[in-house]
Amino acid sequence: MSQGEFKRIDQDQEAPLGPPALLLCGYSSEESLTVVSLLETMDASGYRVVLCTEPMLAQTLEEALSTTSEVQPVPPDKLPRVMVLSGMTGAQVRVFLDRYATTQLPRPILATVTPGNLSFTVRDLLIDLLKEHRAMTKK
């Protein structure tokens, strides 16, 4: 697996990549409701909020984002707080992030879907994101 790379989010209107969904890791069910409400304020109620489950950790990101099962999520204290945004243009990501900042929720490690990370397992993606986050916070 190759390392992910940071890329600036542009205000583009290009076709978004991935299904219209947000994968939340390290979030409680109650916190996910805040994210759902936030999406509704953006007129993005068609986006699904998916809480990470144990089986998803072995699935690809693409599979996890498409999951519709109602399996119990991994408890928030067992995973890093990560949010993966899928199916959004750069402009939509910017609006979402601006509005997320107004919530009382702690800031997560944020990622967007890329052609490269769709094939990562969720576990491997979380590991890569944690490594990148640690490297950036050391600087």
N, C-alpha and C. Protein backbone atom coordinates (compact mmCIF):
# COMPACT_ATOMS: atom_id res chain seq x y z
N MET A 1 0.84 -1.17 0.00
CA MET A 1 0.00 0.00 0.00
C MET A 1 0.88 1.23 0.00
N SER A 2 0.55 2.20 -0.80
CA SER A 2 1.34 3.42 -0.83
C SER A 2 0.79 4.42 0.17
N GLN A 3 1.65 5.28 0.63
CA GLN A 3 1.26 6.30 1.58
C GLN A 3 0.31 7.27 0.91
N GLY A 4 -0.66 7.75 1.66
CA GLY A 4 -1.54 8.80 1.16
C GLY A 4 -0.74 10.10 1.12
N GLU A 5 -1.32 11.09 0.53
CA GLU A 5 -0.64 12.37 0.51
C GLU A 5 -1.66 13.46 0.74
N PHE A 6 -1.20 14.53 1.41
CA PHE A 6 -2.07 15.65 1.66
C PHE A 6 -2.22 16.44 0.38
N LYS A 7 -3.43 16.93 0.15
CA LYS A 7 -3.70 17.73 -1.02
C LYS A 7 -4.65 18.84 -0.60
N ARG A 8 -4.38 20.03 -1.03
CA ARG A 8 -5.24 21.17 -0.70
C ARG A 8 -6.62 20.95 -1.31
N ILE A 9 -7.65 21.30 -0.55
CA ILE A 9 -9.02 21.19 -1.05
C ILE A 9 -9.33 22.46 -1.83
N ASP A 10 -9.64 22.31 -3.10
CA ASP A 10 -9.95 23.45 -3.95
C ASP A 10 -11.45 23.74 -3.90
N GLN A 11 -11.80 24.92 -4.34
CA GLN A 11 -13.20 25.32 -4.40
C GLN A 11 -13.83 24.81 -5.70
N ASP A 12 -13.40 23.66 -6.16
CA ASP A 12 -13.84 23.14 -7.45
C ASP A 12 -15.31 22.73 -7.43
N GLN A 13 -15.83 22.59 -8.61
CA GLN A 13 -17.19 22.08 -8.79
C GLN A 13 -17.14 20.80 -9.61
N GLU A 14 -15.94 20.18 -9.70
CA GLU A 14 -15.80 18.97 -10.50
C GLU A 14 -16.64 17.85 -9.90
N ALA A 15 -16.86 16.82 -10.69
CA ALA A 15 -17.67 15.69 -10.24
C ALA A 15 -17.02 15.06 -9.01
N PRO A 16 -17.81 14.88 -7.96
CA PRO A 16 -17.25 14.30 -6.73
C PRO A 16 -16.96 12.81 -6.90
N LEU A 17 -16.04 12.32 -6.09
CA LEU A 17 -15.63 10.92 -6.12
C LEU A 17 -16.27 10.18 -4.95
N GLY A 18 -16.73 8.97 -5.19
CA GLY A 18 -17.30 8.13 -4.15
C GLY A 18 -18.78 8.37 -3.94
N PRO A 19 -19.40 7.47 -3.19
CA PRO A 19 -20.83 7.61 -2.92
C PRO A 19 -21.09 8.79 -1.97
N PRO A 20 -22.29 9.35 -1.98
CA PRO A 20 -22.60 10.46 -1.08
C PRO A 20 -22.73 9.96 0.37
N ALA A 21 -21.62 9.93 1.08
CA ALA A 21 -21.62 9.38 2.44
C ALA A 21 -20.45 9.94 3.23
N LEU A 22 -20.59 9.89 4.55
CA LEU A 22 -19.51 10.26 5.47
C LEU A 22 -19.28 9.07 6.38
N LEU A 23 -18.04 8.64 6.47
CA LEU A 23 -17.69 7.55 7.37
C LEU A 23 -17.14 8.18 8.65
N LEU A 24 -17.77 7.85 9.77
CA LEU A 24 -17.36 8.38 11.06
C LEU A 24 -16.75 7.26 11.90
N CYS A 25 -15.54 7.47 12.35
CA CYS A 25 -14.86 6.53 13.25
C CYS A 25 -14.58 7.28 14.54
N GLY A 26 -14.83 6.62 15.67
CA GLY A 26 -14.59 7.26 16.95
C GLY A 26 -15.70 8.22 17.37
N TYR A 27 -16.87 8.08 16.77
CA TYR A 27 -18.03 8.91 17.09
C TYR A 27 -19.10 8.05 17.75
N SER A 28 -19.85 8.65 18.64
CA SER A 28 -21.00 7.96 19.24
C SER A 28 -22.21 8.13 18.32
N SER A 29 -23.22 7.33 18.55
CA SER A 29 -24.47 7.45 17.77
C SER A 29 -25.07 8.83 17.94
N GLU A 30 -25.01 9.38 19.16
CA GLU A 30 -25.56 10.71 19.42
C GLU A 30 -24.81 11.77 18.63
N GLU A 31 -23.48 11.65 18.59
CA GLU A 31 -22.69 12.63 17.84
C GLU A 31 -22.99 12.54 16.35
N SER A 32 -23.26 11.34 15.87
CA SER A 32 -23.56 11.20 14.44
C SER A 32 -24.84 11.94 14.08
N LEU A 33 -25.77 12.06 15.02
CA LEU A 33 -27.01 12.80 14.77
C LEU A 33 -26.73 14.28 14.55
N THR A 34 -25.72 14.81 15.23
CA THR A 34 -25.31 16.20 15.01
C THR A 34 -24.80 16.37 13.58
N VAL A 35 -24.04 15.39 13.10
CA VAL A 35 -23.51 15.44 11.73
C VAL A 35 -24.67 15.36 10.72
N VAL A 36 -25.64 14.50 10.99
CA VAL A 36 -26.81 14.39 10.11
C VAL A 36 -27.53 15.74 10.04
N SER A 37 -27.74 16.37 11.18
CA SER A 37 -28.40 17.69 11.23
C SER A 37 -27.61 18.73 10.45
N LEU A 38 -26.30 18.67 10.59
CA LEU A 38 -25.44 19.60 9.88
C LEU A 38 -25.60 19.44 8.37
N LEU A 39 -25.64 18.22 7.91
CA LEU A 39 -25.83 17.96 6.48
C LEU A 39 -27.17 18.51 6.00
N GLU A 40 -28.19 18.37 6.83
CA GLU A 40 -29.51 18.89 6.46
C GLU A 40 -29.49 20.40 6.30
N THR A 41 -28.70 21.10 7.12
CA THR A 41 -28.61 22.56 6.99
C THR A 41 -27.91 22.97 5.70
N MET A 42 -27.15 22.04 5.13
CA MET A 42 -26.42 22.30 3.87
C MET A 42 -27.24 21.89 2.66
N ASP A 43 -28.46 21.42 2.89
CA ASP A 43 -29.28 20.88 1.81
C ASP A 43 -28.61 19.64 1.22
N ALA A 44 -27.96 18.86 2.10
CA ALA A 44 -27.25 17.65 1.69
C ALA A 44 -27.80 16.44 2.45
N SER A 45 -29.12 16.41 2.61
CA SER A 45 -29.73 15.32 3.38
C SER A 45 -29.62 13.98 2.66
N GLY A 46 -29.26 13.97 1.39
CA GLY A 46 -29.08 12.73 0.64
C GLY A 46 -27.79 11.99 1.00
N TYR A 47 -26.95 12.63 1.80
CA TYR A 47 -25.70 11.99 2.22
C TYR A 47 -25.98 11.09 3.42
N ARG A 48 -25.40 9.89 3.36
CA ARG A 48 -25.55 8.95 4.47
C ARG A 48 -24.40 9.14 5.45
N VAL A 49 -24.71 9.03 6.72
CA VAL A 49 -23.69 9.05 7.76
C VAL A 49 -23.53 7.61 8.22
N VAL A 50 -22.32 7.09 8.05
CA VAL A 50 -22.02 5.69 8.34
C VAL A 50 -21.07 5.64 9.53
N LEU A 51 -21.50 4.99 10.60
CA LEU A 51 -20.63 4.79 11.76
C LEU A 51 -19.81 3.52 11.54
N CYS A 52 -18.53 3.59 11.83
CA CYS A 52 -17.62 2.46 11.60
C CYS A 52 -17.96 1.28 12.51
N THR A 53 -18.07 0.11 11.91
CA THR A 53 -18.34 -1.11 12.65
C THR A 53 -17.10 -2.01 12.58
N GLU A 54 -17.07 -3.01 13.43
CA GLU A 54 -15.94 -3.95 13.43
C GLU A 54 -15.72 -4.60 12.06
N PRO A 55 -16.78 -5.12 11.39
CA PRO A 55 -16.55 -5.72 10.07
C PRO A 55 -16.01 -4.75 9.03
N MET A 56 -16.34 -3.46 9.16
CA MET A 56 -15.86 -2.47 8.19
C MET A 56 -14.36 -2.31 8.22
N LEU A 57 -13.73 -2.56 9.35
CA LEU A 57 -12.29 -2.38 9.46
C LEU A 57 -11.54 -3.24 8.45
N ALA A 58 -12.11 -4.39 8.07
CA ALA A 58 -11.48 -5.29 7.10
C ALA A 58 -11.97 -5.03 5.68
N GLN A 59 -12.95 -4.16 5.51
CA GLN A 59 -13.48 -3.85 4.18
C GLN A 59 -12.68 -2.70 3.56
N THR A 60 -12.81 -2.58 2.24
CA THR A 60 -12.23 -1.41 1.60
C THR A 60 -13.07 -0.19 1.98
N LEU A 61 -12.47 0.97 1.84
CA LEU A 61 -13.20 2.20 2.11
C LEU A 61 -14.45 2.27 1.24
N GLU A 62 -14.31 1.89 -0.03
CA GLU A 62 -15.45 1.92 -0.94
C GLU A 62 -16.59 1.03 -0.45
N GLU A 63 -16.25 -0.18 0.02
CA GLU A 63 -17.27 -1.09 0.56
C GLU A 63 -17.91 -0.51 1.81
N ALA A 64 -17.09 0.03 2.70
CA ALA A 64 -17.61 0.57 3.96
C ALA A 64 -18.57 1.74 3.71
N LEU A 65 -18.23 2.60 2.77
CA LEU A 65 -19.09 3.75 2.48
C LEU A 65 -20.43 3.33 1.88
N SER A 66 -20.47 2.15 1.29
CA SER A 66 -21.70 1.65 0.68
C SER A 66 -22.49 0.73 1.60
N THR A 67 -21.98 0.45 2.78
CA THR A 67 -22.62 -0.46 3.71
C THR A 67 -23.92 0.12 4.22
N THR A 68 -24.93 -0.74 4.31
CA THR A 68 -26.22 -0.31 4.83
C THR A 68 -26.65 -1.12 6.04
N SER A 69 -25.78 -2.00 6.52
CA SER A 69 -26.15 -2.85 7.66
C SER A 69 -26.27 -2.02 8.93
N GLU A 70 -27.01 -2.55 9.85
CA GLU A 70 -27.26 -1.86 11.12
C GLU A 70 -26.48 -2.51 12.26
N VAL A 71 -25.26 -2.95 12.00
CA VAL A 71 -24.41 -3.54 13.03
C VAL A 71 -23.98 -2.43 13.99
N GLN A 72 -23.83 -2.78 15.27
CA GLN A 72 -23.40 -1.81 16.27
C GLN A 72 -22.04 -1.22 15.89
N PRO A 73 -21.88 0.10 16.02
CA PRO A 73 -20.58 0.70 15.71
C PRO A 73 -19.55 0.33 16.76
N VAL A 74 -18.28 0.44 16.36
CA VAL A 74 -17.19 0.27 17.31
C VAL A 74 -17.32 1.41 18.33
N PRO A 75 -17.20 1.11 19.62
CA PRO A 75 -17.31 2.18 20.63
C PRO A 75 -16.32 3.31 20.34
N PRO A 76 -16.75 4.55 20.58
CA PRO A 76 -15.90 5.71 20.24
C PRO A 76 -14.52 5.68 20.88
N ASP A 77 -14.39 5.11 22.05
CA ASP A 77 -13.08 5.11 22.70
C ASP A 77 -12.13 4.05 22.15
N LYS A 78 -12.59 3.25 21.20
CA LYS A 78 -11.76 2.18 20.63
C LYS A 78 -11.15 2.57 19.27
N LEU A 79 -11.55 3.70 18.73
CA LEU A 79 -11.04 4.14 17.42
C LEU A 79 -10.63 5.60 17.50
N PRO A 80 -9.70 6.01 16.65
CA PRO A 80 -9.38 7.43 16.58
C PRO A 80 -10.57 8.18 15.98
N ARG A 81 -10.70 9.44 16.31
CA ARG A 81 -11.79 10.26 15.76
C ARG A 81 -11.39 10.68 14.35
N VAL A 82 -12.00 10.01 13.38
CA VAL A 82 -11.71 10.25 11.96
C VAL A 82 -13.02 10.40 11.21
N MET A 83 -13.02 11.33 10.26
CA MET A 83 -14.17 11.52 9.39
C MET A 83 -13.69 11.50 7.95
N VAL A 84 -14.29 10.61 7.15
CA VAL A 84 -13.95 10.52 5.74
C VAL A 84 -15.15 11.03 4.94
N LEU A 85 -14.92 12.09 4.17
CA LEU A 85 -15.98 12.71 3.37
C LEU A 85 -15.93 12.12 1.96
N SER A 86 -17.09 11.71 1.47
CA SER A 86 -17.17 11.09 0.15
C SER A 86 -18.31 11.73 -0.65
N GLY A 87 -18.09 11.85 -1.95
CA GLY A 87 -19.14 12.34 -2.84
C GLY A 87 -19.38 13.83 -2.76
N MET A 88 -18.40 14.59 -2.26
CA MET A 88 -18.54 16.05 -2.15
C MET A 88 -17.53 16.73 -3.07
N THR A 89 -17.96 17.84 -3.64
CA THR A 89 -17.02 18.68 -4.37
C THR A 89 -16.17 19.43 -3.35
N GLY A 90 -15.10 20.03 -3.82
CA GLY A 90 -14.26 20.83 -2.93
C GLY A 90 -15.05 21.94 -2.26
N ALA A 91 -15.94 22.58 -3.00
CA ALA A 91 -16.75 23.66 -2.44
C ALA A 91 -17.67 23.13 -1.33
N GLN A 92 -18.26 21.96 -1.54
CA GLN A 92 -19.12 21.37 -0.51
C GLN A 92 -18.32 21.00 0.74
N VAL A 93 -17.11 20.50 0.54
CA VAL A 93 -16.26 20.16 1.68
C VAL A 93 -15.97 21.41 2.50
N ARG A 94 -15.65 22.51 1.84
CA ARG A 94 -15.36 23.77 2.54
C ARG A 94 -16.57 24.22 3.37
N VAL A 95 -17.76 24.18 2.77
CA VAL A 95 -18.98 24.58 3.50
C VAL A 95 -19.19 23.65 4.69
N PHE A 96 -19.03 22.35 4.48
CA PHE A 96 -19.22 21.40 5.57
C PHE A 96 -18.25 21.70 6.71
N LEU A 97 -16.98 21.90 6.39
CA LEU A 97 -15.97 22.15 7.42
C LEU A 97 -16.25 23.45 8.18
N ASP A 98 -16.68 24.48 7.46
CA ASP A 98 -17.02 25.74 8.12
C ASP A 98 -18.17 25.54 9.10
N ARG A 99 -19.16 24.79 8.70
CA ARG A 99 -20.32 24.56 9.58
C ARG A 99 -19.98 23.58 10.70
N TYR A 100 -19.14 22.61 10.43
CA TYR A 100 -18.73 21.66 11.47
C TYR A 100 -18.04 22.41 12.61
N ALA A 101 -17.27 23.42 12.26
CA ALA A 101 -16.54 24.20 13.27
C ALA A 101 -17.48 24.89 14.25
N THR A 102 -18.75 25.07 13.89
CA THR A 102 -19.71 25.73 14.78
C THR A 102 -20.37 24.75 15.75
N THR A 103 -20.16 23.47 15.56
CA THR A 103 -20.72 22.48 16.47
C THR A 103 -19.85 22.37 17.71
N GLN A 104 -20.33 21.69 18.69
CA GLN A 104 -19.55 21.47 19.91
C GLN A 104 -18.71 20.19 19.81
N LEU A 105 -18.71 19.54 18.65
CA LEU A 105 -17.97 18.29 18.48
C LEU A 105 -16.47 18.57 18.35
N PRO A 106 -15.64 17.70 18.96
CA PRO A 106 -14.19 17.86 18.79
C PRO A 106 -13.79 17.68 17.33
N ARG A 107 -12.72 18.35 16.97
CA ARG A 107 -12.24 18.25 15.59
C ARG A 107 -11.66 16.86 15.33
N PRO A 108 -12.09 16.21 14.24
CA PRO A 108 -11.55 14.90 13.91
C PRO A 108 -10.35 15.02 12.97
N ILE A 109 -9.71 13.91 12.72
CA ILE A 109 -8.78 13.83 11.59
C ILE A 109 -9.69 13.72 10.37
N LEU A 110 -9.50 14.61 9.42
CA LEU A 110 -10.38 14.65 8.25
C LEU A 110 -9.68 14.11 7.02
N ALA A 111 -10.45 13.41 6.20
CA ALA A 111 -9.95 12.91 4.93
C ALA A 111 -11.09 12.95 3.93
N THR A 112 -10.73 13.04 2.68
CA THR A 112 -11.72 12.90 1.61
C THR A 112 -11.36 11.68 0.80
N VAL A 113 -12.33 11.19 0.08
CA VAL A 113 -12.10 10.04 -0.79
C VAL A 113 -11.21 10.46 -1.94
N THR A 114 -10.25 9.60 -2.25
CA THR A 114 -9.38 9.80 -3.41
C THR A 114 -9.38 8.51 -4.22
N PRO A 115 -8.96 8.56 -5.47
CA PRO A 115 -8.89 7.31 -6.23
C PRO A 115 -8.00 6.28 -5.54
N GLY A 116 -6.96 6.73 -4.87
CA GLY A 116 -6.03 5.82 -4.21
C GLY A 116 -6.56 5.20 -2.94
N ASN A 117 -7.30 5.96 -2.13
CA ASN A 117 -7.70 5.41 -0.83
C ASN A 117 -8.99 4.60 -0.86
N LEU A 118 -9.73 4.62 -1.94
CA LEU A 118 -10.95 3.82 -2.02
C LEU A 118 -10.66 2.32 -1.90
N SER A 119 -9.47 1.91 -2.30
CA SER A 119 -9.13 0.49 -2.23
C SER A 119 -8.43 0.10 -0.93
N PHE A 120 -8.10 1.07 -0.08
CA PHE A 120 -7.50 0.76 1.22
C PHE A 120 -8.55 0.10 2.10
N THR A 121 -8.12 -0.82 2.97
CA THR A 121 -9.06 -1.26 3.99
C THR A 121 -9.23 -0.09 4.96
N VAL A 122 -10.35 -0.06 5.64
CA VAL A 122 -10.58 1.01 6.61
C VAL A 122 -9.49 0.99 7.68
N ARG A 123 -9.11 -0.18 8.13
CA ARG A 123 -8.05 -0.29 9.14
C ARG A 123 -6.75 0.35 8.63
N ASP A 124 -6.33 0.00 7.40
CA ASP A 124 -5.10 0.56 6.84
C ASP A 124 -5.21 2.07 6.64
N LEU A 125 -6.38 2.54 6.22
CA LEU A 125 -6.57 3.97 6.04
C LEU A 125 -6.45 4.69 7.38
N LEU A 126 -7.06 4.14 8.43
CA LEU A 126 -6.96 4.76 9.76
C LEU A 126 -5.50 4.81 10.23
N ILE A 127 -4.77 3.74 10.00
CA ILE A 127 -3.35 3.71 10.39
C ILE A 127 -2.58 4.79 9.63
N ASP A 128 -2.79 4.89 8.32
CA ASP A 128 -2.10 5.92 7.53
C ASP A 128 -2.46 7.32 8.00
N LEU A 129 -3.74 7.55 8.25
CA LEU A 129 -4.18 8.87 8.68
C LEU A 129 -3.58 9.24 10.04
N LEU A 130 -3.51 8.26 10.94
CA LEU A 130 -2.89 8.52 12.25
C LEU A 130 -1.41 8.85 12.11
N LYS A 131 -0.70 8.12 11.24
CA LYS A 131 0.72 8.40 11.01
C LYS A 131 0.91 9.81 10.46
N GLU A 132 0.09 10.18 9.47
CA GLU A 132 0.19 11.50 8.88
C GLU A 132 -0.11 12.58 9.91
N HIS A 133 -1.14 12.33 10.71
CA HIS A 133 -1.54 13.30 11.73
C HIS A 133 -0.41 13.50 12.75
N ARG A 134 0.18 12.41 13.19
CA ARG A 134 1.29 12.51 14.16
C ARG A 134 2.48 13.24 13.56
N ALA A 135 2.78 12.95 12.31
CA ALA A 135 3.90 13.62 11.65
C ALA A 135 3.64 15.12 11.52
N MET A 136 2.41 15.49 11.21
CA MET A 136 2.08 16.92 11.05
C MET A 136 2.07 17.64 12.39
N THR A 137 1.64 16.98 13.44
CA THR A 137 1.57 17.65 14.74
C THR A 137 2.93 17.77 15.40
N LYS A 138 3.91 16.99 14.93
CA LYS A 138 5.28 17.08 15.46
C LYS A 138 6.00 18.30 14.91
N LYS A 139 5.57 18.79 13.75
CA LYS A 139 6.26 19.91 13.09
C LYS A 139 6.00 21.21 13.80
